[in-house]
């Protein structure tokens, strides 16, 4: 967990959001009092079609691309 101020969050927004993407929670304070928590979205709550899955690659060749090319060849 990281603690920061509103001012520092404004100055370094990208860095803080990079940390959130990596699973870090951030507590933001104003005048010394916590006012917000920034945390990663719980990926479990996302529908399955929005979750990223494993890339199908064999010998540095994308299997998805190979399937598409084979389909195009069959149409001709």
Foldseek 3Di string as FASTA:
>chain_A
DAEEEPVVCVVPVVVVVVVQVVFDKYFYDDPPHTDDIDHHDDPVPDPPVPDDDDFDADPNDGPVVVVVVVVVVVVD
